[in-house]
Amino acid sequence: ELARLQPMFDDGLLRQDDRYLKITGPGRWFVRNAAAAFDRYLHGSET
């Protein structure tokens, strides 16, 4: 999941420290994308 999220970190939509993974201000637009990274049924399918 963290590998899937790496582009969002690179684009400043997410950031993290030792305790928290956080959605930034611009990242609010893409909260669905961040959530989808943790959907085990979504990835590897054509849906």
All heavy atoms as atom14 arrays in JSON, in Angstrom:
{
  "sequence": "ELARLQPMFDDGLLRQDDRYLKITGPGRWFVRNAAAAFDRYLHGSET",
  "atom14_mask": [
    [1, 1, 1, 1, 1, 1, 1, 1, 1, 0, 0, 0, 0, 0],
    [1, 1, 1, 1, 1, 1, 1, 1, 0, 0, 0, 0, 0, 0],
    [1, 1, 1, 1, 1, 0, 0, 0, 0, 0, 0, 0, 0, 0],
    [1, 1, 1, 1, 1, 1, 1, 1, 1, 1, 1, 0, 0, 0],
    [1, 1, 1, 1, 1, 1, 1, 1, 0, 0, 0, 0, 0, 0],
    [1, 1, 1, 1, 1, 1, 1, 1, 1, 0, 0, 0, 0, 0],
    [1, 1, 1, 1, 1, 1, 1, 0, 0, 0, 0, 0, 0, 0],
    [1, 1, 1, 1, 1, 1, 1, 1, 0, 0, 0, 0, 0, 0],
    [1, 1, 1, 1, 1, 1, 1, 1, 1, 1, 1, 0, 0, 0],
    [1, 1, 1, 1, 1, 1, 1, 1, 0, 0, 0, 0, 0, 0],
    [1, 1, 1, 1, 1, 1, 1, 1, 0, 0, 0, 0, 0, 0],
    [1, 1, 1, 1, 0, 0, 0, 0, 0, 0, 0, 0, 0, 0],
    [1, 1, 1, 1, 1, 1, 1, 1, 0, 0, 0, 0, 0, 0],
    [1, 1, 1, 1, 1, 1, 1, 1, 0, 0, 0, 0, 0, 0],
    [1, 1, 1, 1, 1, 1, 1, 1, 1, 1, 1, 0, 0, 0],
    [1, 1, 1, 1, 1, 1, 1, 1, 1, 0, 0, 0, 0, 0],
    [1, 1, 1, 1, 1, 1, 1, 1, 0, 0, 0, 0, 0, 0],
    [1, 1, 1, 1, 1, 1, 1, 1, 0, 0, 0, 0, 0, 0],
    [1, 1, 1, 1, 1, 1, 1, 1, 1, 1, 1, 0, 0, 0],
    [1, 1, 1, 1, 1, 1, 1, 1, 1, 1, 1, 1, 0, 0],
    [1, 1, 1, 1, 1, 1, 1, 1, 0, 0, 0, 0, 0, 0],
    [1, 1, 1, 1, 1, 1, 1, 1, 1, 0, 0, 0, 0, 0],
    [1, 1, 1, 1, 1, 1, 1, 1, 0, 0, 0, 0, 0, 0],
    [1, 1, 1, 1, 1, 1, 1, 0, 0, 0, 0, 0, 0, 0],
    [1, 1, 1, 1, 0, 0, 0, 0, 0, 0, 0, 0, 0, 0],
    [1, 1, 1, 1, 1, 1, 1, 0, 0, 0, 0, 0, 0, 0],
    [1, 1, 1, 1, 0, 0, 0, 0, 0, 0, 0, 0, 0, 0],
    [1, 1, 1, 1, 1, 1, 1, 1, 1, 1, 1, 0, 0, 0],
    [1, 1, 1, 1, 1, 1, 1, 1, 1, 1, 1, 1, 1, 1],
    [1, 1, 1, 1, 1, 1, 1, 1, 1, 1, 1, 0, 0, 0],
    [1, 1, 1, 1, 1, 1, 1, 0, 0, 0, 0, 0, 0, 0],
    [1, 1, 1, 1, 1, 1, 1, 1, 1, 1, 1, 0, 0, 0],
    [1, 1, 1, 1, 1, 1, 1, 1, 0, 0, 0, 0, 0, 0],
    [1, 1, 1, 1, 1, 0, 0, 0, 0, 0, 0, 0, 0, 0],
    [1, 1, 1, 1, 1, 0, 0, 0, 0, 0, 0, 0, 0, 0],
    [1, 1, 1, 1, 1, 0, 0, 0, 0, 0, 0, 0, 0, 0],
    [1, 1, 1, 1, 1, 0, 0, 0, 0, 0, 0, 0, 0, 0],
    [1, 1, 1, 1, 1, 1, 1, 1, 1, 1, 1, 0, 0, 0],
    [1, 1, 1, 1, 1, 1, 1, 1, 0, 0, 0, 0, 0, 0],
    [1, 1, 1, 1, 1, 1, 1, 1, 1, 1, 1, 0, 0, 0],
    [1, 1, 1, 1, 1, 1, 1, 1, 1, 1, 1, 1, 0, 0],
    [1, 1, 1, 1, 1, 1, 1, 1, 0, 0, 0, 0, 0, 0],
    [1, 1, 1, 1, 1, 1, 1, 1, 1, 1, 0, 0, 0, 0],
    [1, 1, 1, 1, 0, 0, 0, 0, 0, 0, 0, 0, 0, 0],
    [1, 1, 1, 1, 1, 1, 0, 0, 0, 0, 0, 0, 0, 0],
    [1, 1, 1, 1, 1, 1, 1, 1, 1, 0, 0, 0, 0, 0],
    [1, 1, 1, 1, 1, 1, 1, 0, 0, 0, 0, 0, 0, 0]
  ],
  "atom14_positions": [
    [[0.82, -1.2, 0.0], [0.0, 0.0, 0.0], [0.86, 1.26, 0.0], [0.57, 2.23, -0.72], [-0.93, 0.0, 1.22], [-2.06, -1.02, 1.15], [-1.62, -2.46, 1.4], [-0.45, -2.67, 1.79], [-2.43, -3.37, 1.21], [0.0, 0.0, 0.0], [0.0, 0.0, 0.0], [0.0, 0.0, 0.0], [0.0, 0.0, 0.0], [0.0, 0.0, 0.0]],
    [[1.93, 1.25, 0.77], [2.83, 2.41, 0.81], [3.5, 2.61, -0.54], [3.73, 3.76, -0.98], [3.87, 2.22, 1.91], [3.33, 2.34, 3.34], [4.38, 1.9, 4.35], [2.89, 3.78, 3.62], [0.0, 0.0, 0.0], [0.0, 0.0, 0.0], [0.0, 0.0, 0.0], [0.0, 0.0, 0.0], [0.0, 0.0, 0.0], [0.0, 0.0, 0.0]],
    [[3.77, 1.53, -1.23], [4.35, 1.65, -2.58], [3.34, 2.3, -3.53], [3.71, 3.14, -4.36], [4.78, 0.27, -3.09], [0.0, 0.0, 0.0], [0.0, 0.0, 0.0], [0.0, 0.0, 0.0], [0.0, 0.0, 0.0], [0.0, 0.0, 0.0], [0.0, 0.0, 0.0], [0.0, 0.0, 0.0], [0.0, 0.0, 0.0], [0.0, 0.0, 0.0]],
    [[2.07, 1.91, -3.4], [1.05, 2.52, -4.25], [0.88, 4.01, -3.96], [0.53, 4.79, -4.83], [-0.3, 1.81, -4.05], [-0.36, 0.39, -4.52], [-1.77, -0.16, -4.4], [-1.75, -1.62, -4.44], [-2.05, -2.41, -3.43], [-2.44, -1.89, -2.28], [-2.0, -3.72, -3.56], [0.0, 0.0, 0.0], [0.0, 0.0, 0.0], [0.0, 0.0, 0.0]],
    [[1.11, 4.38, -2.71], [0.92, 5.77, -2.29], [2.1, 6.67, -2.62], [2.01, 7.89, -2.49], [0.64, 5.83, -0.78], [-0.7, 5.29, -0.31], [-0.74, 5.25, 1.22], [-1.85, 6.14, -0.84], [0.0, 0.0, 0.0], [0.0, 0.0, 0.0], [0.0, 0.0, 0.0], [0.0, 0.0, 0.0], [0.0, 0.0, 0.0], [0.0, 0.0, 0.0]],
    [[3.22, 6.09, -3.04], [4.43, 6.89, -3.23], [4.22, 8.08, -4.17], [4.7, 9.19, -3.88], [5.58, 6.01, -3.74], [6.94, 6.72, -3.73], [7.3, 7.25, -2.36], [7.26, 6.52, -1.36], [7.65, 8.53, -2.26], [0.0, 0.0, 0.0], [0.0, 0.0, 0.0], [0.0, 0.0, 0.0], [0.0, 0.0, 0.0], [0.0, 0.0, 0.0]],
    [[3.5, 7.92, -5.3], [3.27, 9.1, -6.15], [2.53, 10.22, -5.42], [2.79, 11.4, -5.68], [2.43, 8.54, -7.31], [2.8, 7.09, -7.37], [3.01, 6.68, -5.94], [0.0, 0.0, 0.0], [0.0, 0.0, 0.0], [0.0, 0.0, 0.0], [0.0, 0.0, 0.0], [0.0, 0.0, 0.0], [0.0, 0.0, 0.0], [0.0, 0.0, 0.0]],
    [[1.64, 9.88, -4.51], [0.92, 10.91, -3.76], [1.85, 11.63, -2.78], [1.7, 12.82, -2.55], [-0.28, 10.3, -3.04], [-1.31, 9.69, -3.97], [-2.85, 9.21, -3.12], [-3.6, 10.83, -2.82], [0.0, 0.0, 0.0], [0.0, 0.0, 0.0], [0.0, 0.0, 0.0], [0.0, 0.0, 0.0], [0.0, 0.0, 0.0], [0.0, 0.0, 0.0]],
    [[2.8, 10.89, -2.22], [3.83, 11.55, -1.39], [4.68, 12.48, -2.26], [4.96, 13.62, -1.87], [4.73, 10.5, -0.73], [4.09, 9.78, 0.44], [3.78, 8.43, 0.35], [3.82, 10.45, 1.62], [3.22, 7.76, 1.42], [3.24, 9.8, 2.7], [2.94, 8.45, 2.6], [0.0, 0.0, 0.0], [0.0, 0.0, 0.0], [0.0, 0.0, 0.0]],
    [[5.08, 11.98, -3.42], [5.93, 12.78, -4.31], [5.22, 14.06, -4.75], [5.88, 15.1, -4.94], [6.32, 11.95, -5.54], [7.2, 10.76, -5.2], [7.79, 10.75, -4.09], [7.27, 9.82, -6.02], [0.0, 0.0, 0.0], [0.0, 0.0, 0.0], [0.0, 0.0, 0.0], [0.0, 0.0, 0.0], [0.0, 0.0, 0.0], [0.0, 0.0, 0.0]],
    [[3.9, 14.0, -4.92], [3.14, 15.16, -5.39], [2.67, 16.06, -4.25], [1.95, 17.05, -4.49], [1.92, 14.69, -6.19], [2.3, 14.11, -7.54], [3.31, 14.56, -8.11], [1.59, 13.21, -8.02], [0.0, 0.0, 0.0], [0.0, 0.0, 0.0], [0.0, 0.0, 0.0], [0.0, 0.0, 0.0], [0.0, 0.0, 0.0], [0.0, 0.0, 0.0]],
    [[3.06, 15.76, -3.02], [2.7, 16.61, -1.9], [1.26, 16.45, -1.44], [0.74, 17.3, -0.7], [0.0, 0.0, 0.0], [0.0, 0.0, 0.0], [0.0, 0.0, 0.0], [0.0, 0.0, 0.0], [0.0, 0.0, 0.0], [0.0, 0.0, 0.0], [0.0, 0.0, 0.0], [0.0, 0.0, 0.0], [0.0, 0.0, 0.0], [0.0, 0.0, 0.0]],
    [[0.62, 15.36, -1.82], [-0.77, 15.11, -1.42], [-0.83, 14.37, -0.1], [-1.85, 14.43, 0.61], [-1.49, 14.31, -2.5], [-1.42, 14.9, -3.92], [-2.1, 13.99, -4.92], [-2.03, 16.3, -3.94], [0.0, 0.0, 0.0], [0.0, 0.0, 0.0], [0.0, 0.0, 0.0], [0.0, 0.0, 0.0], [0.0, 0.0, 0.0], [0.0, 0.0, 0.0]],
    [[0.24, 13.68, 0.24], [0.38, 12.99, 1.51], [1.73, 13.32, 2.11], [2.68, 13.64, 1.39], [0.29, 11.46, 1.32], [-0.99, 10.84, 0.8], [-0.77, 9.35, 0.57], [-2.14, 11.06, 1.77], [0.0, 0.0, 0.0], [0.0, 0.0, 0.0], [0.0, 0.0, 0.0], [0.0, 0.0, 0.0], [0.0, 0.0, 0.0], [0.0, 0.0, 0.0]],
    [[1.81, 13.23, 3.42], [3.1, 13.29, 4.1], [3.01, 12.38, 5.31], [1.92, 12.01, 5.76], [3.47, 14.71, 4.5], [2.59, 15.35, 5.56], [3.14, 16.7, 5.99], [2.38, 17.27, 7.09], [1.33, 18.07, 6.96], [0.91, 18.4, 5.75], [0.69, 18.54, 8.01], [0.0, 0.0, 0.0], [0.0, 0.0, 0.0], [0.0, 0.0, 0.0]],
    [[4.15, 12.02, 5.88], [4.14, 11.19, 7.07], [5.32, 11.51, 7.95], [6.35, 12.02, 7.51], [4.13, 9.71, 6.7], [5.35, 9.2, 5.96], [5.26, 7.71, 5.68], [4.63, 6.96, 6.43], [5.89, 7.27, 4.6], [0.0, 0.0, 0.0], [0.0, 0.0, 0.0], [0.0, 0.0, 0.0], [0.0, 0.0, 0.0], [0.0, 0.0, 0.0]],
    [[5.12, 11.23, 9.24], [6.21, 11.3, 10.2], [6.26, 9.96, 10.91], [5.68, 8.97, 10.44], [6.02, 12.47, 11.16], [4.66, 12.46, 11.85], [4.09, 11.36, 12.07], [4.13, 13.54, 12.19], [0.0, 0.0, 0.0], [0.0, 0.0, 0.0], [0.0, 0.0, 0.0], [0.0, 0.0, 0.0], [0.0, 0.0, 0.0], [0.0, 0.0, 0.0]],
    [[6.95, 9.89, 12.04], [7.1, 8.61, 12.72], [5.76, 8.04, 13.18], [5.6, 6.81, 13.26], [8.02, 8.77, 13.94], [9.46, 9.04, 13.55], [9.8, 8.74, 12.38], [10.21, 9.55, 14.39], [0.0, 0.0, 0.0], [0.0, 0.0, 0.0], [0.0, 0.0, 0.0], [0.0, 0.0, 0.0], [0.0, 0.0, 0.0], [0.0, 0.0, 0.0]],
    [[4.78, 8.91, 13.45], [3.51, 8.44, 14.04], [2.35, 8.45, 13.04], [1.53, 7.52, 13.05], [3.16, 9.34, 15.24], [1.84, 8.98, 15.93], [1.94, 7.71, 16.72], [0.69, 7.37, 17.37], [0.3, 7.8, 18.57], [1.1, 8.61, 19.26], [-0.84, 7.43, 19.09], [0.0, 0.0, 0.0], [0.0, 0.0, 0.0], [0.0, 0.0, 0.0]],
    [[2.28, 9.47, 12.18], [1.07, 9.64, 11.39], [1.34, 9.68, 9.89], [2.38, 10.19, 9.44], [0.37, 10.96, 11.76], [-0.19, 10.96, 13.16], [0.44, 11.7, 14.17], [-1.35, 10.25, 13.48], [-0.07, 11.72, 15.46], [-1.86, 10.26, 14.77], [-1.22, 10.99, 15.76], [-1.72, 11.0, 17.04], [0.0, 0.0, 0.0], [0.0, 0.0, 0.0]],
    [[0.39, 9.15, 9.13], [0.29, 9.39, 7.7], [-0.83, 10.42, 7.54], [-1.94, 10.22, 8.03], [-0.05, 8.09, 6.97], [-0.05, 8.08, 5.44], [0.19, 6.67, 4.93], [-1.36, 8.61, 4.86], [0.0, 0.0, 0.0], [0.0, 0.0, 0.0], [0.0, 0.0, 0.0], [0.0, 0.0, 0.0], [0.0, 0.0, 0.0], [0.0, 0.0, 0.0]],
    [[-0.53, 11.54, 6.87], [-1.47, 12.66, 6.84], [-1.79, 13.07, 5.41], [-0.93, 13.07, 4.54], [-0.89, 13.86, 7.59], [-0.58, 13.58, 9.06], [0.05, 14.79, 9.72], [0.41, 14.5, 11.17], [1.07, 15.67, 11.82], [0.0, 0.0, 0.0], [0.0, 0.0, 0.0], [0.0, 0.0, 0.0], [0.0, 0.0, 0.0], [0.0, 0.0, 0.0]],
    [[-3.04, 13.45, 5.2], [-3.49, 14.02, 3.94], [-3.31, 15.53, 4.02], [-3.77, 16.18, 4.97], [-4.96, 13.65, 3.66], [-5.06, 12.13, 3.43], [-5.51, 14.42, 2.46], [-6.46, 11.62, 3.29], [0.0, 0.0, 0.0], [0.0, 0.0, 0.0], [0.0, 0.0, 0.0], [0.0, 0.0, 0.0], [0.0, 0.0, 0.0], [0.0, 0.0, 0.0]],
    [[-2.64, 16.1, 3.05], [-2.38, 17.54, 3.05], [-3.61, 18.31, 2.55], [-4.61, 17.71, 2.13], [-1.19, 17.88, 2.15], [-1.53, 17.57, 0.79], [0.05, 17.07, 2.56], [0.0, 0.0, 0.0], [0.0, 0.0, 0.0], [0.0, 0.0, 0.0], [0.0, 0.0, 0.0], [0.0, 0.0, 0.0], [0.0, 0.0, 0.0], [0.0, 0.0, 0.0]],
    [[-3.52, 19.64, 2.56], [-4.62, 20.45, 2.04], [-4.99, 20.09, 0.62], [-6.15, 19.76, 0.33], [0.0, 0.0, 0.0], [0.0, 0.0, 0.0], [0.0, 0.0, 0.0], [0.0, 0.0, 0.0], [0.0, 0.0, 0.0], [0.0, 0.0, 0.0], [0.0, 0.0, 0.0], [0.0, 0.0, 0.0], [0.0, 0.0, 0.0], [0.0, 0.0, 0.0]],
    [[-4.05, 20.14, -0.34], [-4.39, 19.71, -1.71], [-4.82, 18.25, -1.77], [-5.61, 17.87, -2.63], [-3.08, 19.92, -2.47], [-2.35, 20.98, -1.7], [-2.69, 20.72, -0.25], [0.0, 0.0, 0.0], [0.0, 0.0, 0.0], [0.0, 0.0, 0.0], [0.0, 0.0, 0.0], [0.0, 0.0, 0.0], [0.0, 0.0, 0.0], [0.0, 0.0, 0.0]],
    [[-4.33, 17.43, -0.85], [-4.67, 16.01, -0.85], [-6.13, 15.73, -0.55], [-6.63, 14.64, -0.87], [0.0, 0.0, 0.0], [0.0, 0.0, 0.0], [0.0, 0.0, 0.0], [0.0, 0.0, 0.0], [0.0, 0.0, 0.0], [0.0, 0.0, 0.0], [0.0, 0.0, 0.0], [0.0, 0.0, 0.0], [0.0, 0.0, 0.0], [0.0, 0.0, 0.0]],
    [[-6.85, 16.71, 0.03], [-8.29, 16.51, 0.28], [-9.05, 16.19, -1.01], [-10.05, 15.51, -0.98], [-8.88, 17.79, 0.88], [-8.59, 17.98, 2.35], [-9.14, 19.3, 2.82], [-8.92, 19.48, 4.25], [-9.9, 19.6, 5.15], [-11.15, 19.55, 4.76], [-9.62, 19.76, 6.43], [0.0, 0.0, 0.0], [0.0, 0.0, 0.0], [0.0, 0.0, 0.0]],
    [[-8.57, 16.72, -2.1], [-9.24, 16.45, -3.38], [-9.15, 14.98, -3.76], [-9.96, 14.49, -4.53], [-8.57, 17.28, -4.48], [-8.85, 18.74, -4.43], [-8.66, 19.58, -3.38], [-9.37, 19.53, -5.48], [-9.02, 20.85, -3.72], [-9.46, 20.86, -5.01], [-9.76, 19.26, -6.8], [-9.92, 21.91, -5.8], [-10.22, 20.3, -7.58], [-10.29, 21.61, -7.08]],
    [[-8.15, 14.3, -3.23], [-7.83, 12.95, -3.7], [-7.9, 11.92, -2.57], [-7.21, 10.91, -2.59], [-6.45, 12.93, -4.34], [-6.24, 14.02, -5.34], [-5.45, 15.13, -5.03], [-6.85, 13.98, -6.58], [-5.27, 16.15, -5.95], [-6.67, 15.0, -7.51], [-5.88, 16.09, -7.19], [0.0, 0.0, 0.0], [0.0, 0.0, 0.0], [0.0, 0.0, 0.0]],
    [[-8.76, 12.19, -1.58], [-8.86, 11.27, -0.46], [-9.33, 9.9, -0.92], [-8.94, 8.86, -0.35], [-9.78, 11.86, 0.64], [-11.2, 12.02, 0.15], [-9.74, 11.03, 1.9], [0.0, 0.0, 0.0], [0.0, 0.0, 0.0], [0.0, 0.0, 0.0], [0.0, 0.0, 0.0], [0.0, 0.0, 0.0], [0.0, 0.0, 0.0], [0.0, 0.0, 0.0]],
    [[-10.15, 9.85, -1.96], [-10.58, 8.55, -2.49], [-9.39, 7.76, -3.02], [-9.32, 6.53, -2.85], [-11.61, 8.76, -3.61], [-12.94, 9.25, -3.14], [-13.79, 9.81, -4.27], [-14.23, 8.81, -5.23], [-14.97, 9.07, -6.3], [-15.35, 10.33, -6.55], [-15.34, 8.12, -7.11], [0.0, 0.0, 0.0], [0.0, 0.0, 0.0], [0.0, 0.0, 0.0]],
    [[-8.45, 8.44, -3.67], [-7.27, 7.75, -4.2], [-6.42, 7.18, -3.07], [-5.9, 6.06, -3.17], [-6.43, 8.71, -5.03], [-7.22, 9.38, -6.14], [-7.99, 10.31, -5.88], [-7.05, 8.94, -7.37], [0.0, 0.0, 0.0], [0.0, 0.0, 0.0], [0.0, 0.0, 0.0], [0.0, 0.0, 0.0], [0.0, 0.0, 0.0], [0.0, 0.0, 0.0]],
    [[-6.27, 7.95, -1.99], [-5.5, 7.46, -0.85], [-6.17, 6.25, -0.23], [-5.51, 5.25, 0.1], [-5.33, 8.58, 0.18], [0.0, 0.0, 0.0], [0.0, 0.0, 0.0], [0.0, 0.0, 0.0], [0.0, 0.0, 0.0], [0.0, 0.0, 0.0], [0.0, 0.0, 0.0], [0.0, 0.0, 0.0], [0.0, 0.0, 0.0], [0.0, 0.0, 0.0]],
    [[-7.49, 6.31, -0.07], [-8.22, 5.18, 0.51], [-8.11, 3.95, -0.38], [-7.95, 2.81, 0.12], [-9.69, 5.57, 0.71], [0.0, 0.0, 0.0], [0.0, 0.0, 0.0], [0.0, 0.0, 0.0], [0.0, 0.0, 0.0], [0.0, 0.0, 0.0], [0.0, 0.0, 0.0], [0.0, 0.0, 0.0], [0.0, 0.0, 0.0], [0.0, 0.0, 0.0]],
    [[-8.18, 4.15, -1.69], [-8.17, 3.02, -2.62], [-6.88, 2.22, -2.54], [-6.86, 1.02, -2.85], [-8.39, 3.52, -4.05], [0.0, 0.0, 0.0], [0.0, 0.0, 0.0], [0.0, 0.0, 0.0], [0.0, 0.0, 0.0], [0.0, 0.0, 0.0], [0.0, 0.0, 0.0], [0.0, 0.0, 0.0], [0.0, 0.0, 0.0], [0.0, 0.0, 0.0]],
    [[-5.79, 2.84, -2.12], [-4.52, 2.12, -2.01], [-4.62, 0.99, -0.99], [-3.86, 0.01, -1.06], [-3.4, 3.08, -1.61], [0.0, 0.0, 0.0], [0.0, 0.0, 0.0], [0.0, 0.0, 0.0], [0.0, 0.0, 0.0], [0.0, 0.0, 0.0], [0.0, 0.0, 0.0], [0.0, 0.0, 0.0], [0.0, 0.0, 0.0], [0.0, 0.0, 0.0]],
    [[-5.55, 1.09, -0.04], [-5.69, 0.09, 1.02], [-6.79, -0.93, 0.73], [-7.07, -1.79, 1.57], [-5.97, 0.79, 2.35], [-4.81, 1.58, 2.86], [-4.65, 2.92, 2.52], [-3.85, 0.99, 3.68], [-3.57, 3.65, 2.98], [-2.76, 1.72, 4.14], [-2.62, 3.06, 3.8], [0.0, 0.0, 0.0], [0.0, 0.0, 0.0], [0.0, 0.0, 0.0]],
    [[-7.4, -0.84, -0.45], [-8.48, -1.75, -0.83], [-7.89, -3.0, -1.45], [-7.46, -2.99, -2.61], [-9.41, -1.03, -1.81], [-10.64, -1.84, -2.18], [-10.65, -3.07, -1.96], [-11.6, -1.23, -2.7], [0.0, 0.0, 0.0], [0.0, 0.0, 0.0], [0.0, 0.0, 0.0], [0.0, 0.0, 0.0], [0.0, 0.0, 0.0], [0.0, 0.0, 0.0]],
    [[-7.89, -4.09, -0.71], [-7.23, -5.3, -1.21], [-8.02, -5.94, -2.35], [-7.46, -6.74, -3.11], [-7.05, -6.3, -0.07], [-8.26, -7.13, 0.28], [-7.94, -8.12, 1.39], [-9.08, -9.01, 1.62], [-9.23, -9.76, 2.71], [-8.31, -9.71, 3.66], [-10.26, -10.55, 2.86], [0.0, 0.0, 0.0], [0.0, 0.0, 0.0], [0.0, 0.0, 0.0]],
    [[-9.3, -5.63, -2.49], [-10.12, -6.23, -3.54], [-10.05, -5.44, -4.84], [-10.47, -5.93, -5.88], [-11.58, -6.32, -3.08], [-11.73, -7.1, -1.8], [-11.99, -6.45, -0.6], [-11.58, -8.48, -1.78], [-12.1, -7.16, 0.59], [-11.68, -9.2, -0.6], [-11.94, -8.53, 0.58], [-12.05, -9.25, 1.76], [0.0, 0.0, 0.0], [0.0, 0.0, 0.0]],
    [[-9.53, -4.24, -4.78], [-9.5, -3.38, -5.95], [-8.31, -3.67, -6.84], [-8.4, -3.67, -8.07], [-9.46, -1.91, -5.52], [-9.43, -0.86, -6.63], [-10.73, -0.92, -7.45], [-9.23, 0.53, -6.04], [0.0, 0.0, 0.0], [0.0, 0.0, 0.0], [0.0, 0.0, 0.0], [0.0, 0.0, 0.0], [0.0, 0.0, 0.0], [0.0, 0.0, 0.0]],
    [[-7.19, -3.95, -6.27], [-5.95, -4.07, -7.02], [-5.76, -5.48, -7.58], [-6.09, -6.46, -6.95], [-4.77, -3.65, -6.15], [-4.9, -2.23, -5.68], [-4.6, -1.16, -6.48], [-5.37, -1.73, -4.5], [-4.85, -0.05, -5.82], [-5.31, -0.36, -4.62], [0.0, 0.0, 0.0], [0.0, 0.0, 0.0], [0.0, 0.0, 0.0], [0.0, 0.0, 0.0]],
    [[-5.26, -5.52, -8.81], [-5.08, -6.79, -9.47], [-6.33, -7.28, -10.15], [-6.41, -8.43, -10.59], [0.0, 0.0, 0.0], [0.0, 0.0, 0.0], [0.0, 0.0, 0.0], [0.0, 0.0, 0.0], [0.0, 0.0, 0.0], [0.0, 0.0, 0.0], [0.0, 0.0, 0.0], [0.0, 0.0, 0.0], [0.0, 0.0, 0.0], [0.0, 0.0, 0.0]],
    [[-7.37, -6.42, -10.25], [-8.61, -6.8, -10.95], [-8.93, -5.75, -12.0], [-8.39, -4.65, -11.98], [-9.77, -6.93, -9.96], [-10.06, -5.67, -9.38], [0.0, 0.0, 0.0], [0.0, 0.0, 0.0], [0.0, 0.0, 0.0], [0.0, 0.0, 0.0], [0.0, 0.0, 0.0], [0.0, 0.0, 0.0], [0.0, 0.0, 0.0], [0.0, 0.0, 0.0]],
    [[-9.83, -6.1, -12.88], [-10.21, -5.17, -13.96], [-11.58, -4.57, -13.66], [-12.51, -4.68, -14.44], [-10.24, -5.92, -15.31], [-8.92, -6.54, -15.7], [-7.84, -5.49, -15.89], [-8.17, -4.38, -16.36], [-6.67, -5.78, -15.58], [0.0, 0.0, 0.0], [0.0, 0.0, 0.0], [0.0, 0.0, 0.0], [0.0, 0.0, 0.0], [0.0, 0.0, 0.0]],
    [[-11.71, -3.93, -12.49], [-13.03, -3.47, -12.07], [-13.12, -1.97, -11.9], [-14.18, -1.47, -11.6], [-13.39, -4.12, -10.72], [-12.39, -3.76, -9.75], [-13.47, -5.63, -10.84], [0.0, 0.0, 0.0], [0.0, 0.0, 0.0], [0.0, 0.0, 0.0], [0.0, 0.0, 0.0], [0.0, 0.0, 0.0], [0.0, 0.0, 0.0], [0.0, 0.0, 0.0]]
  ]
}
